[in-house]
Amino acid sequence: MSPAVPQGASAAVLKPSEPIPDEAVAVQGPNFDQRPTLESLLASYERIGFQANSLGKAIAIVNKMRRWRLSDEPIPEDETEELSNPEVRARTRCNIFLGYTSNLISSGLREVILHLVKHKHVTAIVTTAGGIEEDFIKCLGKTYLADFNLDGADLRRRGMNRIGNLVVPNDNYCKFEDWLTPILDTMLAEQQASGEVWTPSRFIRRLGKEINNEESVYHWAYKNDVPVFCPALTDGSIGDMIYFHSFKSPGLVLDIVGDIRALNELSRRSIKAGMIVLGGGVCKHQIANAMLIRNGADYSVFINTGQEFDGSDSGARPDEAVSWGKIRAGAESVKVYADATLVFPLLVATTFAQDVLPS
């Protein structure tokens, strides 16, 4: 007679499952027996799982940001006369706040960001000093592909600056100084003549006007009246140039108070607001903090490689922002744990770039 299977072991291994809810989604990958388009491939990400699933969700949230109109919502009884007008409601869209770190402008994502600004897909930008200056520097000289493992001391001897696996000749920064210094002189003269103090966003807008180059993100921001906020404008080459200029021609003043008011008011007055943030640090938190003024964003997409175990805001998941009132409870949000250079072009290709008419 065969011995019986031990009851405890059998119960542990063969534990029955609860019924599966009707709305549950089964995992399924793409079918390559049918030649996929980019759109169909990325649509399949929603059912692959892991970070593919997060990217699929990010694409869906961004498309909701793009498509939302106030006319989609019922008119409340206490609505203003202006916002009760059907034409006004049809024109009122979700304000999209885009944030990114400087390394992404150094990379080829610059052209992706340029597309968004050129075609007026974003309402406002928040970035770092490098996110400003590297755009203008690229108009003056090239950034080159290189390697993460190049020797730092050798690069320093050769006048080459490494950004990950990219290199920027230091001559480019010398060209930037030659271009920027006369503009600083003009800004100072205008400021002294008018008695008006400039904000960093007005400073950046002026540089976008002066560069007059369609390869520049901030040229298009100037042309399309997209405000660009940079709370840490002096943290980079621009800061070096302002520092040098303060010895030669002291007196230039930049007012960060004016910019925090402008950014927060833009958020507060948004009927619907969404965040798309690539990377972390200042650009991520400044946008999120502006969302607090309106009791949180309605849509949020974070793309970065930060982890939350060190307590950093850069690594924090969206739910932490909910606890602070920076994302509304019940709002649609996702964090994609990925290098933005890998996934953001795919996201844009299946969202904003769909508006491009075939040639």
Protein backbone atom coordinates (compact mmCIF):
# COMPACT_ATOMS: atom_id res chain seq x y z
CA MET A 1 0.00 0.00 0.00
CA SER A 2 1.45 3.36 -1.02
CA PRO A 3 1.87 5.89 1.78
CA ALA A 4 -0.59 8.82 1.73
CA VAL A 5 0.62 12.25 0.75
CA PRO A 6 1.22 14.21 3.97
CA GLN A 7 -1.90 16.30 4.51
CA GLY A 8 -0.07 19.44 5.62
CA ALA A 9 2.25 19.39 2.60
CA SER A 10 -0.62 18.82 0.19
CA ALA A 11 -2.65 21.65 1.69
CA ALA A 12 0.33 24.03 1.49
CA VAL A 13 1.17 23.25 -2.13
CA LEU A 14 -2.36 22.82 -3.49
CA LYS A 15 -4.01 25.77 -1.76
CA PRO A 16 -7.08 26.82 -3.78
CA SER A 17 -7.31 30.32 -5.23
CA GLU A 18 -10.06 32.84 -4.79
CA PRO A 19 -12.17 33.48 -7.91
CA ILE A 20 -10.50 35.80 -10.44
CA PRO A 21 -12.36 39.14 -10.82
CA ASP A 22 -14.03 39.69 -14.18
CA GLU A 23 -11.99 42.88 -14.76
CA ALA A 24 -8.62 41.13 -14.24
CA VAL A 25 -6.21 41.50 -17.20
CA ALA A 26 -4.22 38.46 -18.29
CA VAL A 27 -0.51 38.80 -19.05
CA GLN A 28 0.21 38.60 -22.77
CA GLY A 29 3.15 39.64 -24.91
CA PRO A 30 3.25 40.90 -28.50
CA ASN A 31 2.57 38.57 -31.41
CA PHE A 32 5.48 38.83 -33.85
CA ASP A 33 3.85 36.42 -36.28
CA GLN A 34 1.96 39.53 -37.32
CA ARG A 35 4.33 42.30 -38.34
CA PRO A 36 3.84 44.99 -35.68
CA THR A 37 3.72 48.73 -36.09
CA LEU A 38 5.35 50.89 -33.44
CA GLU A 39 1.88 51.80 -32.14
CA SER A 40 0.71 48.18 -31.88
CA LEU A 41 3.98 47.09 -30.24
CA LEU A 42 3.79 49.77 -27.57
CA ALA A 43 0.09 49.10 -27.05
CA SER A 44 1.08 45.54 -26.12
CA TYR A 45 3.29 46.88 -23.31
CA GLU A 46 0.22 47.37 -21.13
CA ARG A 47 -0.04 43.56 -20.78
CA ILE A 48 3.63 42.52 -20.68
CA GLY A 49 4.16 43.39 -17.01
CA PHE A 50 6.97 45.00 -15.00
CA GLN A 51 8.27 48.31 -16.42
CA ALA A 52 6.74 47.62 -19.85
CA ASN A 53 3.38 47.78 -18.08
CA SER A 54 4.39 51.10 -16.45
CA LEU A 55 5.41 52.57 -19.80
CA GLY A 56 2.11 51.45 -21.32
CA LYS A 57 0.28 53.16 -18.48
CA ALA A 58 2.38 56.33 -18.95
CA ILE A 59 1.43 56.43 -22.65
CA ALA A 60 -2.25 56.08 -21.75
CA ILE A 61 -2.04 58.87 -19.12
CA VAL A 62 -0.24 61.26 -21.48
CA ASN A 63 -2.86 60.64 -24.15
CA LYS A 64 -5.56 61.51 -21.60
CA MET A 65 -3.69 64.76 -20.82
CA ARG A 66 -3.56 65.59 -24.52
CA ARG A 67 -7.19 64.79 -25.28
CA TRP A 68 -8.90 66.32 -22.27
CA ARG A 69 -11.12 69.33 -22.88
CA LEU A 70 -13.30 71.18 -20.39
CA SER A 71 -16.21 70.37 -22.70
CA ASP A 72 -15.79 66.73 -21.60
CA GLU A 73 -17.02 67.70 -18.14
CA PRO A 74 -20.58 68.52 -17.03
CA ILE A 75 -21.21 72.22 -16.35
CA PRO A 76 -21.60 72.83 -12.61
CA GLU A 77 -24.41 75.06 -11.40
CA ASP A 78 -22.00 77.69 -10.05
CA GLU A 79 -19.82 77.84 -13.20
CA THR A 80 -18.75 81.29 -14.39
CA GLU A 81 -20.36 82.80 -17.44
CA GLU A 82 -17.10 82.60 -19.40
CA LEU A 83 -16.51 78.92 -18.62
CA SER A 84 -20.13 78.09 -19.42
CA ASN A 85 -19.55 79.13 -23.03
CA PRO A 86 -19.36 75.97 -25.21
CA GLU A 87 -16.61 77.42 -27.42
CA VAL A 88 -14.48 78.35 -24.41
CA ARG A 89 -14.99 74.91 -22.90
CA ALA A 90 -13.95 73.22 -26.15
CA ARG A 91 -10.76 75.31 -26.26
CA THR A 92 -9.81 74.80 -22.59
CA ARG A 93 -7.19 72.08 -22.36
CA CYS A 94 -5.06 70.40 -19.72
CA ASN A 95 -1.95 72.45 -18.92
CA ILE A 96 1.10 70.19 -19.20
CA PHE A 97 4.15 71.02 -17.08
CA LEU A 98 7.35 69.40 -18.43
CA GLY A 99 10.45 68.94 -16.29
CA TYR A 100 13.83 67.46 -17.17
CA THR A 101 17.42 67.37 -15.98
CA SER A 102 20.38 68.88 -17.81
CA ASN A 103 21.88 65.60 -19.05
CA LEU A 104 18.81 65.02 -21.20
CA ILE A 105 19.44 68.23 -23.16
CA SER A 106 23.05 67.08 -23.56
CA SER A 107 21.69 63.86 -25.05
CA GLY A 108 19.60 63.41 -28.17
CA LEU A 109 16.43 63.89 -26.13
CA ARG A 110 16.99 67.58 -26.81
CA GLU A 111 15.38 67.10 -30.23
CA VAL A 112 12.42 65.27 -28.67
CA ILE A 113 11.89 68.11 -26.20
CA LEU A 114 12.30 70.64 -29.03
CA HIS A 115 9.45 68.94 -30.91
CA LEU A 116 7.15 69.32 -27.91
CA VAL A 117 7.95 73.02 -27.52
CA LYS A 118 7.91 73.79 -31.25
CA HIS A 119 4.43 72.30 -31.62
CA LYS A 120 3.07 73.88 -28.39
CA HIS A 121 2.42 70.57 -26.67
CA VAL A 122 3.59 71.83 -23.27
CA THR A 123 2.44 74.80 -21.21
CA ALA A 124 5.56 75.40 -19.13
CA ILE A 125 9.04 73.97 -18.56
CA VAL A 126 11.11 73.57 -15.40
CA THR A 127 14.74 72.53 -15.76
CA THR A 128 18.21 73.05 -14.32
CA ALA A 129 20.99 75.43 -15.33
CA GLY A 130 22.60 72.78 -17.51
CA GLY A 131 19.22 72.16 -19.14
CA ILE A 132 19.35 75.79 -20.31
CA GLU A 133 22.99 76.33 -21.24
CA GLU A 134 23.59 72.99 -22.97
CA ASP A 135 20.88 73.85 -25.49
CA PHE A 136 22.60 77.12 -26.43
CA ILE A 137 26.05 75.52 -26.34
CA LYS A 138 24.88 72.91 -28.86
CA CYS A 139 24.03 75.78 -31.21
CA LEU A 140 27.67 76.89 -30.97
CA GLY A 141 29.44 73.53 -31.11
CA LYS A 142 28.73 69.78 -31.23
CA THR A 143 28.47 67.25 -28.39
CA TYR A 144 29.94 63.87 -29.29
CA LEU A 145 29.31 60.21 -28.47
CA ALA A 146 32.08 58.68 -26.37
CA ASP A 147 32.36 56.05 -23.61
CA PHE A 148 31.57 55.82 -19.90
CA ASN A 149 35.05 54.40 -19.24
CA LEU A 150 37.25 57.18 -20.60
CA ASP A 151 39.98 58.32 -18.21
CA GLY A 152 38.99 61.56 -16.44
CA ALA A 153 42.53 62.87 -15.98
CA ASP A 154 43.33 62.32 -19.67
CA LEU A 155 40.12 64.06 -20.71
CA ARG A 156 40.94 67.01 -18.47
CA ARG A 157 44.40 67.30 -20.06
CA ARG A 158 42.78 67.33 -23.51
CA GLY A 159 40.10 69.85 -22.60
CA MET A 160 37.22 67.40 -22.97
CA ASN A 161 34.27 67.29 -20.55
CA ARG A 162 32.47 63.97 -20.08
CA ILE A 163 28.71 63.66 -19.54
CA GLY A 164 28.16 59.92 -19.12
CA ASN A 165 29.14 58.46 -22.49
CA LEU A 166 29.15 61.87 -24.22
CA VAL A 167 31.95 64.43 -24.44
CA VAL A 168 31.79 68.19 -24.91
CA PRO A 169 34.97 70.03 -26.01
CA ASN A 170 35.73 72.78 -23.49
CA ASP A 171 36.09 75.15 -26.45
CA ASN A 172 32.28 75.04 -26.66
CA TYR A 173 32.06 76.69 -23.24
CA CYS A 174 34.57 79.32 -24.34
CA LYS A 175 32.31 80.03 -27.34
CA PHE A 176 29.38 80.23 -24.95
CA GLU A 177 31.16 82.86 -22.86
CA ASP A 178 31.95 84.89 -26.00
CA TRP A 179 28.26 84.73 -26.99
CA LEU A 180 26.75 85.34 -23.54
CA THR A 181 28.96 88.16 -22.18
CA PRO A 182 27.74 90.89 -24.57
CA ILE A 183 24.15 89.83 -23.85
CA LEU A 184 24.81 90.19 -20.11
CA ASP A 185 26.18 93.68 -20.79
CA THR A 186 23.00 94.58 -22.67
CA MET A 187 20.76 93.08 -19.97
CA LEU A 188 22.55 95.07 -17.28
CA ALA A 189 22.24 98.30 -19.26
CA GLU A 190 18.52 97.71 -19.84
CA GLN A 191 17.97 96.84 -16.21
CA GLN A 192 19.75 99.99 -15.03
CA ALA A 193 17.89 102.18 -17.53
CA SER A 194 14.44 100.85 -16.63
CA GLY A 195 14.96 100.11 -12.95
CA GLU A 196 13.18 96.81 -13.59
CA VAL A 197 14.56 93.61 -12.05
CA TRP A 198 14.55 90.55 -14.32
CA THR A 199 13.41 87.06 -13.38
CA PRO A 200 15.35 83.94 -14.48
CA SER A 201 12.49 83.08 -16.87
CA ARG A 202 12.76 86.49 -18.52
CA PHE A 203 16.54 86.01 -18.71
CA ILE A 204 16.04 82.63 -20.46
CA ARG A 205 13.42 84.09 -22.79
CA ARG A 206 15.90 86.77 -23.86
CA LEU A 207 18.55 84.15 -24.60
CA GLY A 208 16.00 82.27 -26.69
CA LYS A 209 15.41 85.43 -28.68
CA GLU A 210 19.12 86.17 -29.10
CA ILE A 211 20.13 82.69 -30.25
CA ASN A 212 17.78 82.95 -33.27
CA ASN A 213 18.40 79.31 -34.16
CA GLU A 214 15.63 76.81 -34.93
CA GLU A 215 17.78 74.00 -33.47
CA SER A 216 17.32 75.54 -30.02
CA VAL A 217 14.58 74.43 -27.62
CA TYR A 218 14.48 77.92 -26.11
CA HIS A 219 14.27 79.64 -29.46
CA TRP A 220 10.91 77.87 -29.85
CA ALA A 221 9.96 78.59 -26.24
CA TYR A 222 10.53 82.29 -27.00
CA LYS A 223 8.55 82.15 -30.25
CA ASN A 224 5.63 80.21 -28.73
CA ASP A 225 5.53 82.03 -25.37
CA VAL A 226 6.27 78.88 -23.37
CA PRO A 227 7.69 80.03 -20.00
CA VAL A 228 10.87 78.31 -18.88
CA PHE A 229 11.60 78.27 -15.15
CA CYS A 230 15.02 77.49 -13.73
CA PRO A 231 15.18 77.84 -9.93
CA ALA A 232 18.92 76.97 -9.90
CA LEU A 233 20.01 79.09 -12.87
CA THR A 234 23.49 79.80 -11.44
CA ASP A 235 24.35 76.11 -10.94
CA GLY A 236 26.42 75.67 -14.11
CA SER A 237 28.23 77.51 -16.88
CA ILE A 238 25.66 80.33 -16.83
CA GLY A 239 26.54 80.82 -13.17
CA ASP A 240 30.24 80.92 -14.07
CA MET A 241 29.58 83.61 -16.68
CA ILE A 242 27.42 85.67 -14.29
CA TYR A 243 30.16 85.32 -11.66
CA PHE A 244 32.84 86.60 -14.05
CA HIS A 245 30.52 89.37 -15.24
CA SER A 246 29.92 90.52 -11.66
CA PHE A 247 33.59 91.51 -11.44
CA LYS A 248 33.73 93.26 -14.81
CA SER A 249 30.32 94.97 -14.66
CA PRO A 250 28.61 94.45 -11.30
CA GLY A 251 24.93 95.11 -10.77
CA LEU A 252 22.89 92.49 -12.66
CA VAL A 253 20.06 91.17 -10.47
CA LEU A 254 17.77 88.18 -11.06
CA ASP A 255 14.59 87.85 -8.98
CA ILE A 256 13.55 84.26 -8.14
CA VAL A 257 10.51 85.52 -6.19
CA GLY A 258 8.85 86.73 -9.39
CA ASP A 259 9.31 83.30 -10.95
CA ILE A 260 7.93 81.27 -8.07
CA ARG A 261 4.85 83.47 -8.13
CA ALA A 262 4.49 83.07 -11.91
CA LEU A 263 4.88 79.26 -11.80
CA ASN A 264 2.57 78.79 -8.83
CA GLU A 265 -0.08 81.06 -10.36
CA LEU A 266 0.10 79.18 -13.65
CA SER A 267 -0.55 75.99 -11.69
CA ARG A 268 -3.31 77.50 -9.53
CA ARG A 269 -5.21 78.84 -12.52
CA SER A 270 -5.02 75.55 -14.43
CA ILE A 271 -8.46 73.96 -14.68
CA LYS A 272 -6.70 70.67 -15.40
CA ALA A 273 -2.98 70.10 -14.85
CA GLY A 274 -0.54 67.32 -15.69
CA MET A 275 3.11 66.69 -14.89
CA ILE A 276 5.64 64.92 -17.10
CA VAL A 277 8.99 64.80 -15.30
CA LEU A 278 12.16 63.20 -16.65
CA GLY A 279 14.72 62.71 -13.90
CA GLY A 280 14.61 64.11 -10.39
CA GLY A 281 15.99 66.85 -8.20
CA VAL A 282 14.96 70.48 -8.60
CA CYS A 283 12.91 70.07 -11.77
CA LYS A 284 10.78 67.28 -10.28
CA HIS A 285 10.08 68.88 -6.94
CA GLN A 286 9.56 72.43 -8.23
CA ILE A 287 6.75 71.29 -10.52
CA ALA A 288 5.26 69.02 -7.86
CA ASN A 289 5.38 71.81 -5.29
CA ALA A 290 3.61 74.16 -7.73
CA MET A 291 0.89 71.50 -8.06
CA LEU A 292 0.35 71.72 -4.28
CA ILE A 293 -0.99 75.26 -4.78
CA ARG A 294 -3.99 73.76 -6.64
CA ASN A 295 -4.28 70.76 -4.28
CA GLY A 296 -2.43 68.43 -6.61
CA ALA A 297 -1.94 67.43 -10.23
CA ASP A 298 -4.66 65.60 -12.14
CA TYR A 299 -2.20 63.52 -14.19
CA SER A 300 1.42 62.62 -13.39
CA VAL A 301 4.12 60.70 -15.25
CA PHE A 302 7.57 60.33 -13.68
CA ILE A 303 10.43 58.68 -15.57
CA ASN A 304 13.66 58.14 -13.66
CA THR A 305 15.95 55.51 -12.16
CA GLY A 306 15.82 56.83 -8.59
CA GLN A 307 14.96 54.50 -5.71
CA GLU A 308 12.92 55.49 -2.68
CA PHE A 309 14.87 53.67 0.04
CA ASP A 310 17.11 56.71 0.70
CA GLY A 311 14.14 59.01 1.25
CA SER A 312 14.99 61.27 -1.70
CA ASP A 313 12.27 63.12 -3.58
CA SER A 314 14.00 62.06 -6.80
CA GLY A 315 13.31 58.41 -6.02
CA ALA A 316 9.89 58.86 -4.50
CA ARG A 317 6.89 57.12 -6.05
CA PRO A 318 3.80 59.17 -6.95
CA ASP A 319 1.95 58.00 -3.83
CA GLU A 320 4.39 59.96 -1.67
CA ALA A 321 3.41 63.12 -3.57
CA VAL A 322 -0.25 62.27 -2.89
CA SER A 323 0.50 62.41 0.85
CA TRP A 324 1.80 65.98 0.41
CA GLY A 325 -1.13 67.13 -1.73
CA LYS A 326 1.09 67.44 -4.84
CA ILE A 327 -0.90 64.79 -6.73
CA ARG A 328 -4.65 64.60 -6.12
CA ALA A 329 -6.01 61.53 -4.39
CA GLY A 330 -7.46 59.29 -7.08
CA ALA A 331 -5.53 61.04 -9.87
CA GLU A 332 -3.93 58.97 -12.61
CA SER A 333 -0.19 58.66 -12.04
CA VAL A 334 2.70 56.33 -12.75
CA LYS A 335 6.45 56.12 -12.28
CA VAL A 336 8.48 54.38 -14.96
CA TYR A 337 11.78 53.08 -13.60
CA ALA A 338 13.94 53.59 -16.66
CA ASP A 339 16.54 55.74 -18.37
CA ALA A 340 14.50 58.47 -20.05
CA THR A 341 16.63 58.23 -23.21
CA LEU A 342 15.31 54.70 -23.68
CA VAL A 343 11.62 55.26 -23.15
CA PHE A 344 10.70 58.92 -23.66
CA PRO A 345 11.14 58.86 -27.46
CA LEU A 346 8.79 55.85 -27.56
CA LEU A 347 6.26 57.65 -25.38
CA VAL A 348 6.33 60.78 -27.55
CA ALA A 349 6.13 58.72 -30.76
CA THR A 350 2.80 57.24 -29.66
CA THR A 351 1.35 60.38 -28.08
CA PHE A 352 2.31 63.91 -29.13
CA ALA A 353 3.95 62.89 -32.43
CA GLN A 354 0.67 61.39 -33.61
CA ASP A 355 -0.43 64.96 -34.37
CA VAL A 356 2.21 65.29 -37.10
CA LEU A 357 0.56 65.19 -40.50
CA PRO A 358 2.08 62.78 -43.05
CA SER A 359 4.27 64.55 -45.61
